[in-house]
Amino acid sequence: MNTGYALVVAAPGDGWGHMGDGGWMWVWGAAMVLLWVAVVGAAAWLIIRAAASRRVDSPGPRVTGMERARAILAERYARGEIGTEEYDERLAKLR
């Protein structure tokens, strides 16, 4: 190692050695890292959000809660789990 260079770098004065602008290079370097982290994070968030919206917006008819309840009731009646009287009584309550 060249001892002359080591003496210049370690020379007392501004405390940052060869960083002649008072160390602002470290601040700008940290700011650039934070900027890229934010850019990559935003891109990942957008990709995840787009993928989630595709799952939610799947094709097919939208069924309300009451329609779904009627469909379940009809399925149970068709399988013989409930009788005609119970089916009619529960269907009347759903209307």
C-alpha atoms as a PDB file:
ATOM      1  CA  MET A   1       0.000   0.000   0.000  1.00  0.00           C
ATOM      2  CA  ASN A   2       1.198   3.448  -0.795  1.00  0.00           C
ATOM      3  CA  THR A   3       1.736   5.247   2.530  1.00  0.00           C
ATOM      4  CA  GLY A   4       1.312   8.638   0.884  1.00  0.00           C
ATOM      5  CA  TYR A   5      -2.227   7.805  -0.115  1.00  0.00           C
ATOM      6  CA  ALA A   6      -3.034   6.517   3.358  1.00  0.00           C
ATOM      7  CA  LEU A   7      -1.804   9.765   4.859  1.00  0.00           C
ATOM      8  CA  VAL A   8      -3.930  11.841   2.495  1.00  0.00           C
ATOM      9  CA  VAL A   9      -7.057   9.783   3.153  1.00  0.00           C
ATOM     10  CA  ALA A  10      -6.531   9.840   6.903  1.00  0.00           C
ATOM     11  CA  ALA A  11      -5.479  13.465   7.027  1.00  0.00           C
ATOM     12  CA  PRO A  12      -7.260  15.470   9.696  1.00  0.00           C
ATOM     13  CA  GLY A  13      -9.577  18.161   8.462  1.00  0.00           C
ATOM     14  CA  ASP A  14     -13.021  17.512   7.174  1.00  0.00           C
ATOM     15  CA  GLY A  15     -13.194  14.020   8.670  1.00  0.00           C
ATOM     16  CA  TRP A  16     -14.428  12.360   5.499  1.00  0.00           C
ATOM     17  CA  GLY A  17     -11.068  11.747   3.869  1.00  0.00           C
ATOM     18  CA  HIS A  18     -11.367  11.788   0.094  1.00  0.00           C
ATOM     19  CA  MET A  19     -15.013  12.849   0.190  1.00  0.00           C
ATOM     20  CA  GLY A  20     -14.387  16.474  -0.597  1.00  0.00           C
ATOM     21  CA  ASP A  21     -18.016  17.592  -0.471  1.00  0.00           C
ATOM     22  CA  GLY A  22     -18.411  17.039   3.274  1.00  0.00           C
ATOM     23  CA  GLY A  23     -19.878  13.568   3.089  1.00  0.00           C
ATOM     24  CA  TRP A  24     -23.049  14.412   1.201  1.00  0.00           C
ATOM     25  CA  MET A  25     -22.298  11.493  -1.102  1.00  0.00           C
ATOM     26  CA  TRP A  26     -23.426   9.139   1.703  1.00  0.00           C
ATOM     27  CA  VAL A  27     -26.727  10.958   2.047  1.00  0.00           C
ATOM     28  CA  TRP A  28     -27.394  10.817  -1.683  1.00  0.00           C
ATOM     29  CA  GLY A  29     -26.368   7.158  -1.758  1.00  0.00           C
ATOM     30  CA  ALA A  30     -28.827   6.326   1.033  1.00  0.00           C
ATOM     31  CA  ALA A  31     -31.533   8.352  -0.730  1.00  0.00           C
ATOM     32  CA  MET A  32     -30.975   6.373  -3.947  1.00  0.00           C
ATOM     33  CA  VAL A  33     -31.221   3.066  -2.069  1.00  0.00           C
ATOM     34  CA  LEU A  34     -34.493   4.184  -0.453  1.00  0.00           C
ATOM     35  CA  LEU A  35     -35.806   5.345  -3.825  1.00  0.00           C
ATOM     36  CA  TRP A  36     -35.109   1.970  -5.447  1.00  0.00           C
ATOM     37  CA  VAL A  37     -36.627   0.105  -2.492  1.00  0.00           C
ATOM     38  CA  ALA A  38     -39.763   2.237  -2.889  1.00  0.00           C
ATOM     39  CA  VAL A  39     -39.889   1.636  -6.663  1.00  0.00           C
ATOM     40  CA  VAL A  40     -39.480  -2.138  -6.311  1.00  0.00           C
ATOM     41  CA  GLY A  41     -41.996  -2.221  -3.438  1.00  0.00           C
ATOM     42  CA  ALA A  42     -44.564  -0.255  -5.437  1.00  0.00           C
ATOM     43  CA  ALA A  43     -44.104  -2.536  -8.442  1.00  0.00           C
ATOM     44  CA  ALA A  44     -44.565  -5.634  -6.271  1.00  0.00           C
ATOM     45  CA  TRP A  45     -47.672  -4.118  -4.659  1.00  0.00           C
ATOM     46  CA  LEU A  46     -49.195  -3.354  -8.066  1.00  0.00           C
ATOM     47  CA  ILE A  47     -48.493  -6.876  -9.338  1.00  0.00           C
ATOM     48  CA  ILE A  48     -50.009  -8.483  -6.239  1.00  0.00           C
ATOM     49  CA  ARG A  49     -53.055  -6.215  -6.383  1.00  0.00           C
ATOM     50  CA  ALA A  50     -53.603  -6.960 -10.081  1.00  0.00           C
ATOM     51  CA  ALA A  51     -53.345 -10.705  -9.451  1.00  0.00           C
ATOM     52  CA  ALA A  52     -55.791 -10.493  -6.544  1.00  0.00           C
ATOM     53  CA  SER A  53     -58.342  -8.540  -8.584  1.00  0.00           C
ATOM     54  CA  ARG A  54     -58.263 -11.213 -11.274  1.00  0.00           C
ATOM     55  CA  ARG A  55     -59.122 -13.876  -8.707  1.00  0.00           C
ATOM     56  CA  VAL A  56     -62.006 -11.820  -7.302  1.00  0.00           C
ATOM     57  CA  ASP A  57     -63.390 -10.926 -10.713  1.00  0.00           C
ATOM     58  CA  SER A  58     -63.639 -14.535 -11.847  1.00  0.00           C
ATOM     59  CA  PRO A  59     -66.192 -15.167 -14.564  1.00  0.00           C
ATOM     60  CA  GLY A  60     -69.557 -16.525 -13.594  1.00  0.00           C
ATOM     61  CA  PRO A  61     -72.835 -15.295 -12.233  1.00  0.00           C
ATOM     62  CA  ARG A  62     -72.801 -13.263  -9.055  1.00  0.00           C
ATOM     63  CA  VAL A  63     -75.029 -14.811  -6.439  1.00  0.00           C
ATOM     64  CA  THR A  64     -76.528 -12.878  -3.557  1.00  0.00           C
ATOM     65  CA  GLY A  65     -76.794 -14.317  -0.078  1.00  0.00           C
ATOM     66  CA  MET A  66     -80.507 -15.034  -0.398  1.00  0.00           C
ATOM     67  CA  GLU A  67     -80.058 -16.744  -3.769  1.00  0.00           C
ATOM     68  CA  ARG A  68     -77.260 -18.868  -2.336  1.00  0.00           C
ATOM     69  CA  ALA A  69     -79.427 -19.816   0.665  1.00  0.00           C
ATOM     70  CA  ARG A  70     -82.262 -20.843  -1.656  1.00  0.00           C
ATOM     71  CA  ALA A  71     -79.866 -22.908  -3.760  1.00  0.00           C
ATOM     72  CA  ILE A  72     -78.527 -24.703  -0.684  1.00  0.00           C
ATOM     73  CA  LEU A  73     -82.063 -25.344   0.523  1.00  0.00           C
ATOM     74  CA  ALA A  74     -83.022 -26.760  -2.904  1.00  0.00           C
ATOM     75  CA  GLU A  75     -79.941 -29.004  -2.905  1.00  0.00           C
ATOM     76  CA  ARG A  76     -80.772 -30.359   0.548  1.00  0.00           C
ATOM     77  CA  TYR A  77     -84.367 -31.009  -0.564  1.00  0.00           C
ATOM     78  CA  ALA A  78     -83.167 -32.738  -3.747  1.00  0.00           C
ATOM     79  CA  ARG A  79     -80.824 -35.008  -1.745  1.00  0.00           C
ATOM     80  CA  GLY A  80     -83.669 -35.910   0.589  1.00  0.00           C
ATOM     81  CA  GLU A  81     -82.085 -34.361   3.677  1.00  0.00           C
ATOM     82  CA  ILE A  82     -85.258 -32.366   4.382  1.00  0.00           C
ATOM     83  CA  GLY A  83     -88.912 -33.075   3.668  1.00  0.00           C
ATOM     84  CA  THR A  84     -91.425 -31.091   1.669  1.00  0.00           C
ATOM     85  CA  GLU A  85     -92.953 -29.387   4.689  1.00  0.00           C
ATOM     86  CA  GLU A  86     -89.587 -28.273   6.066  1.00  0.00           C
ATOM     87  CA  TYR A  87     -88.523 -27.105   2.602  1.00  0.00           C
ATOM     88  CA  ASP A  88     -91.673 -25.022   2.139  1.00  0.00           C
ATOM     89  CA  GLU A  89     -91.408 -23.577   5.648  1.00  0.00           C
ATOM     90  CA  ARG A  90     -87.762 -22.541   5.236  1.00  0.00           C
ATOM     91  CA  LEU A  91     -88.344 -21.228   1.728  1.00  0.00           C
ATOM     92  CA  ALA A  92     -91.176 -19.053   3.026  1.00  0.00           C
ATOM     93  CA  LYS A  93     -88.829 -17.581   5.651  1.00  0.00           C
ATOM     94  CA  LEU A  94     -86.261 -16.754   2.981  1.00  0.00           C
ATOM     95  CA  ARG A  95     -88.745 -14.696   0.943  1.00  0.00           C
END
